[in-house]
Amino acid sequence: MRLLQLDLEVLKALDKLRVLDINLISSLVGINEGTCKNRMRKLVTEGYVKYYQESKTTKRYYTVTKKGMAYLYPPRITISKSGKIYKKVKKAPTINKRTLDHEIKVAEVLNHILRFNDNLSIDDFKTERDMQRKMEYMQIRNQHICDLLCEKYKIKIEVELSVKQKNKLSRNIIFNTSNYVQIWFVNSDMLYKRLLDEKKYLEEKYLIKIIKLNNICDADLDLSSYYKEINEKFGVISTEKKEMYQQMNIFEIK
């Protein structure tokens, strides 16, 4: 099977977001559903992709396989002192039934955000998986990593499907730092109220937005407006502007 450019985009999306259903793949990659189903069938048959399905009447959830990862990231060949050859291949994401709902919801949130922001693409966002790849094991254990990060607009996105204690919420907000707008998507009234309490307590240092997942279609998801707001509130200066100011010698950036 000769892989097309759209097949590569599908594999990249699956690698980035771990698991997707057919509707999300079609929307995020930008291909019609009929073409998407046809290509997914071929990718599964050729072993680049696999799927999980509880029964014949439920959705299929797709993820990239080891073969698909080897296509995305050609194996690194190393030779030991004894002459033994090793192939180092990036690990494929696994479909974990316990975390499946959260992973799909993160992808759905990203899909909604991209619909509101025509100037952004999936490549403008880093997922937890993307960020973990660049961290050591102890770093991952000792700090909080947001679900989605958009550096262009200084946005950190959290998707919470379970109720968390106040002290854990406070810790995660602080880990996200005051240099970013924090958008929390929640599906629990209790968690929504707890975040409102934290927002009141921390609003002098942190810019926090709270959106109920069942209201996401009516929410304002224009990230450029959030970026403007954090600039006005905390005076965040982009790297591009810093370079421009330095070239113009208007003032010294320390």
Protein backbone atom coordinates (compact mmCIF):
# COMPACT_ATOMS: atom_id res chain seq x y z
CA MET A 1 0.00 0.00 0.00
CA ARG A 2 1.35 3.41 -0.99
CA LEU A 3 0.63 5.91 1.77
CA LEU A 4 -0.83 9.25 0.70
CA GLN A 5 -0.23 12.64 2.31
CA LEU A 6 -3.62 12.43 4.02
CA ASP A 7 -2.62 9.03 5.47
CA LEU A 8 0.45 10.69 6.97
CA GLU A 9 -1.76 13.43 8.47
CA VAL A 10 -4.04 10.76 9.96
CA LEU A 11 -1.08 8.93 11.54
CA LYS A 12 0.30 12.20 12.93
CA ALA A 13 -3.07 13.08 14.47
CA LEU A 14 -3.39 9.64 16.05
CA ASP A 15 0.15 9.85 17.41
CA LYS A 16 -0.52 13.30 18.85
CA LEU A 17 -3.92 12.64 20.46
CA ARG A 18 -3.46 8.92 21.21
CA VAL A 19 -6.97 7.83 20.18
CA LEU A 20 -9.68 9.20 17.86
CA ASP A 21 -13.00 8.12 16.40
CA ILE A 22 -13.82 8.42 12.69
CA ASN A 23 -15.68 11.75 13.06
CA LEU A 24 -12.75 13.40 14.86
CA ILE A 25 -10.23 12.07 12.35
CA SER A 26 -12.33 13.42 9.47
CA SER A 27 -12.72 16.85 11.10
CA LEU A 28 -9.18 17.30 12.46
CA VAL A 29 -7.44 16.12 9.29
CA GLY A 30 -9.90 17.91 7.00
CA ILE A 31 -11.21 15.09 4.79
CA ASN A 32 -14.79 14.02 4.12
CA GLU A 33 -16.16 11.10 6.11
CA GLY A 34 -16.46 8.73 3.13
CA THR A 35 -12.81 9.18 2.13
CA CYS A 36 -11.80 8.94 5.79
CA LYS A 37 -13.58 5.60 6.29
CA ASN A 38 -12.00 4.22 3.11
CA ARG A 39 -8.44 5.24 4.12
CA MET A 40 -8.89 4.01 7.70
CA ARG A 41 -10.02 0.62 6.40
CA LYS A 42 -6.83 0.37 4.33
CA LEU A 43 -4.58 1.62 7.15
CA VAL A 44 -6.04 -1.03 9.49
CA THR A 45 -5.68 -3.79 6.88
CA GLU A 46 -2.02 -2.85 6.28
CA GLY A 47 -1.27 -2.73 10.01
CA TYR A 48 -0.51 0.99 10.37
CA VAL A 49 -3.56 1.54 12.57
CA LYS A 50 -5.64 -0.61 14.92
CA TYR A 51 -8.99 -0.03 16.60
CA TYR A 52 -10.84 -0.83 19.79
CA GLN A 53 -14.58 -1.57 19.72
CA GLU A 54 -16.64 -2.92 22.61
CA SER A 55 -19.38 -4.36 20.38
CA LYS A 56 -20.58 -4.25 16.77
CA THR A 57 -23.01 -1.44 17.57
CA THR A 58 -20.52 0.85 19.38
CA LYS A 59 -17.96 3.30 18.02
CA ARG A 60 -14.54 2.28 16.84
CA TYR A 61 -11.62 4.08 18.44
CA TYR A 62 -8.45 4.16 16.39
CA THR A 63 -4.81 4.40 17.42
CA VAL A 64 -1.51 4.14 15.56
CA THR A 65 0.43 0.87 15.74
CA LYS A 66 4.13 0.11 16.08
CA LYS A 67 4.32 -0.14 12.29
CA GLY A 68 2.64 3.25 11.96
CA MET A 69 5.09 4.78 14.44
CA ALA A 70 8.02 3.33 12.49
CA TYR A 71 6.67 5.07 9.39
CA LEU A 72 6.35 8.39 11.24
CA TYR A 73 9.69 8.02 13.03
CA PRO A 74 12.13 5.76 11.15
CA PRO A 75 13.95 3.51 13.68
CA ARG A 76 17.36 4.59 14.90
CA ILE A 77 19.97 1.92 14.36
CA THR A 78 22.66 1.51 17.01
CA ILE A 79 25.47 -1.02 17.18
CA SER A 80 26.88 -2.22 20.48
CA LYS A 81 30.58 -2.81 21.15
CA SER A 82 29.98 -6.50 20.64
CA GLY A 83 28.54 -5.79 17.20
CA LYS A 84 24.90 -6.42 18.08
CA ILE A 85 22.43 -4.29 16.10
CA TYR A 86 19.55 -2.57 17.91
CA LYS A 87 16.55 -0.79 16.43
CA LYS A 88 15.11 1.94 18.62
CA VAL A 89 11.47 2.63 17.75
CA LYS A 90 9.21 5.22 19.39
CA LYS A 91 6.46 3.59 21.43
CA ALA A 92 2.96 3.52 20.01
CA PRO A 93 0.16 4.93 22.19
CA THR A 94 -2.08 2.36 23.81
CA ILE A 95 -5.87 2.41 24.11
CA ASN A 96 -6.55 2.44 27.81
CA LYS A 97 -10.23 1.79 28.53
CA ARG A 98 -9.94 3.71 31.82
CA THR A 99 -8.70 6.91 30.17
CA LEU A 100 -10.47 6.56 26.81
CA ASP A 101 -13.28 9.03 27.63
CA HIS A 102 -10.80 11.71 28.70
CA GLU A 103 -8.61 11.31 25.62
CA ILE A 104 -11.61 11.56 23.29
CA LYS A 105 -12.94 14.59 25.17
CA VAL A 106 -9.56 16.37 24.85
CA ALA A 107 -9.69 15.75 21.09
CA GLU A 108 -13.27 17.05 20.93
CA VAL A 109 -12.27 20.22 22.81
CA LEU A 110 -9.37 20.78 20.38
CA ASN A 111 -11.74 20.24 17.46
CA HIS A 112 -14.15 22.90 18.81
CA ILE A 113 -11.30 25.36 19.37
CA LEU A 114 -9.99 24.90 15.82
CA ARG A 115 -13.46 25.64 14.43
CA PHE A 116 -13.42 28.98 16.29
CA ASN A 117 -9.87 29.85 15.23
CA ASP A 118 -9.38 29.59 11.47
CA ASN A 119 -5.80 30.82 11.73
CA LEU A 120 -4.77 27.86 13.91
CA SER A 121 -4.12 24.23 13.01
CA ILE A 122 -3.58 21.06 15.02
CA ASP A 123 0.18 21.70 14.74
CA ASP A 124 -0.20 24.91 16.81
CA PHE A 125 -1.06 22.78 19.86
CA LYS A 126 1.06 20.50 21.98
CA THR A 127 -0.63 17.63 23.77
CA GLU A 128 0.40 16.05 27.04
CA ARG A 129 2.01 13.28 24.97
CA ASP A 130 4.05 15.82 22.99
CA MET A 131 5.30 17.52 26.15
CA GLN A 132 6.12 14.31 28.00
CA ARG A 133 8.43 13.21 25.19
CA LYS A 134 10.81 16.05 26.03
CA MET A 135 10.82 15.42 29.77
CA GLU A 136 12.67 13.06 32.05
CA TYR A 137 10.70 10.49 34.06
CA MET A 138 11.14 12.34 37.37
CA GLN A 139 10.06 15.61 35.75
CA ILE A 140 6.83 13.97 34.64
CA ARG A 141 6.22 12.60 38.12
CA ASN A 142 7.00 15.81 39.97
CA GLN A 143 5.02 18.35 38.01
CA HIS A 144 1.64 18.88 36.41
CA ILE A 145 1.28 18.84 32.62
CA CYS A 146 -1.75 20.46 31.01
CA ASP A 147 -3.82 18.60 28.41
CA LEU A 148 -3.25 21.10 25.59
CA LEU A 149 -0.80 23.96 25.13
CA CYS A 150 -0.94 26.75 22.56
CA GLU A 151 2.26 28.80 22.81
CA LYS A 152 1.16 31.18 20.08
CA TYR A 153 -1.57 32.62 22.31
CA LYS A 154 -0.13 31.64 25.71
CA ILE A 155 -3.00 29.23 26.45
CA LYS A 156 -3.03 26.15 28.68
CA ILE A 157 -6.10 23.95 28.46
CA GLU A 158 -7.36 21.49 31.05
CA VAL A 159 -10.13 18.95 30.48
CA GLU A 160 -11.49 17.56 33.75
CA LEU A 161 -14.07 14.77 33.82
CA SER A 162 -13.74 13.95 37.52
CA VAL A 163 -14.02 16.02 40.69
CA LYS A 164 -10.70 17.05 42.23
CA GLN A 165 -9.98 18.29 45.71
CA LYS A 166 -9.40 22.03 46.17
CA ASN A 167 -5.78 21.63 47.19
CA LYS A 168 -5.03 19.64 44.02
CA LEU A 169 -6.81 22.23 41.89
CA SER A 170 -4.77 25.03 43.50
CA ARG A 171 -1.54 23.11 42.92
CA ASN A 172 -2.35 22.50 39.24
CA ILE A 173 -3.31 26.14 38.67
CA ILE A 174 -0.02 27.26 40.20
CA PHE A 175 1.94 24.72 38.13
CA ASN A 176 0.32 26.16 35.00
CA THR A 177 1.91 29.53 35.97
CA SER A 178 0.58 33.07 35.66
CA ASN A 179 2.17 33.60 32.23
CA TYR A 180 -0.63 31.66 30.53
CA VAL A 181 -4.38 31.95 30.21
CA GLN A 182 -5.84 28.80 31.76
CA ILE A 183 -9.02 27.41 30.21
CA TRP A 184 -10.67 24.69 32.26
CA PHE A 185 -13.34 22.52 30.60
CA VAL A 186 -15.41 20.61 33.18
CA ASN A 187 -18.48 18.38 33.22
CA SER A 188 -19.22 18.50 36.95
CA ASP A 189 -21.20 21.24 38.72
CA MET A 190 -19.21 20.59 41.90
CA LEU A 191 -15.90 21.00 40.10
CA TYR A 192 -17.21 24.11 38.36
CA LYS A 193 -18.04 25.69 41.74
CA ARG A 194 -14.67 24.69 43.21
CA LEU A 195 -12.85 26.27 40.29
CA LEU A 196 -14.93 29.43 40.68
CA ASP A 197 -13.80 29.59 44.31
CA GLU A 198 -10.17 29.11 43.29
CA LYS A 199 -10.55 31.73 40.57
CA LYS A 200 -11.77 34.32 43.09
CA TYR A 201 -8.89 33.50 45.41
CA LEU A 202 -6.20 33.55 42.69
CA GLU A 203 -7.56 36.05 40.17
CA GLU A 204 -4.97 38.72 41.03
CA LYS A 205 -2.16 36.49 39.75
CA TYR A 206 -3.84 34.08 37.33
CA LEU A 207 -6.20 34.47 34.38
CA ILE A 208 -8.60 31.53 34.57
CA LYS A 209 -11.55 30.71 32.31
CA ILE A 210 -14.03 27.97 33.25
CA ILE A 211 -16.31 26.40 30.65
CA LYS A 212 -18.84 23.60 31.13
CA LEU A 213 -18.41 20.91 28.52
CA ASN A 214 -22.13 20.75 27.82
CA ASN A 215 -22.02 24.49 26.97
CA ILE A 216 -18.94 24.33 24.76
CA CYS A 217 -20.87 25.06 21.54
CA ASP A 218 -22.03 28.40 22.98
CA ALA A 219 -18.70 29.35 24.58
CA ASP A 220 -16.37 32.07 23.31
CA LEU A 221 -13.30 30.14 22.18
CA ASP A 222 -11.51 32.96 20.36
CA LEU A 223 -7.98 32.42 21.67
CA SER A 224 -6.69 35.72 20.29
CA SER A 225 -9.11 37.60 22.57
CA TYR A 226 -7.83 35.64 25.58
CA TYR A 227 -4.26 36.47 24.56
CA LYS A 228 -5.16 40.16 24.35
CA GLU A 229 -6.74 39.93 27.80
CA ILE A 230 -3.66 38.41 29.47
CA ASN A 231 -1.48 41.03 27.78
CA GLU A 232 -3.66 43.80 29.17
CA LYS A 233 -3.84 42.25 32.63
CA PHE A 234 -0.25 41.13 33.17
CA GLY A 235 1.71 42.88 30.42
CA VAL A 236 2.88 39.69 28.70
CA ILE A 237 5.21 40.59 25.82
CA SER A 238 5.66 38.13 23.01
CA THR A 239 9.12 37.04 21.85
CA GLU A 240 8.43 38.67 18.47
CA LYS A 241 7.60 42.01 20.12
CA LYS A 242 10.66 41.81 22.39
CA GLU A 243 12.89 41.37 19.36
CA MET A 244 11.16 44.26 17.60
CA TYR A 245 11.56 46.57 20.61
CA GLN A 246 15.22 45.59 20.99
CA GLN A 247 15.88 46.37 17.32
CA MET A 248 14.17 49.76 17.70
CA ASN A 249 16.08 50.44 20.94
CA ILE A 250 12.91 51.80 22.57
CA PHE A 251 13.82 50.31 25.92
CA GLU A 252 16.04 47.65 27.36
CA ILE A 253 14.45 44.26 27.99
CA LYS A 254 15.96 42.60 31.01
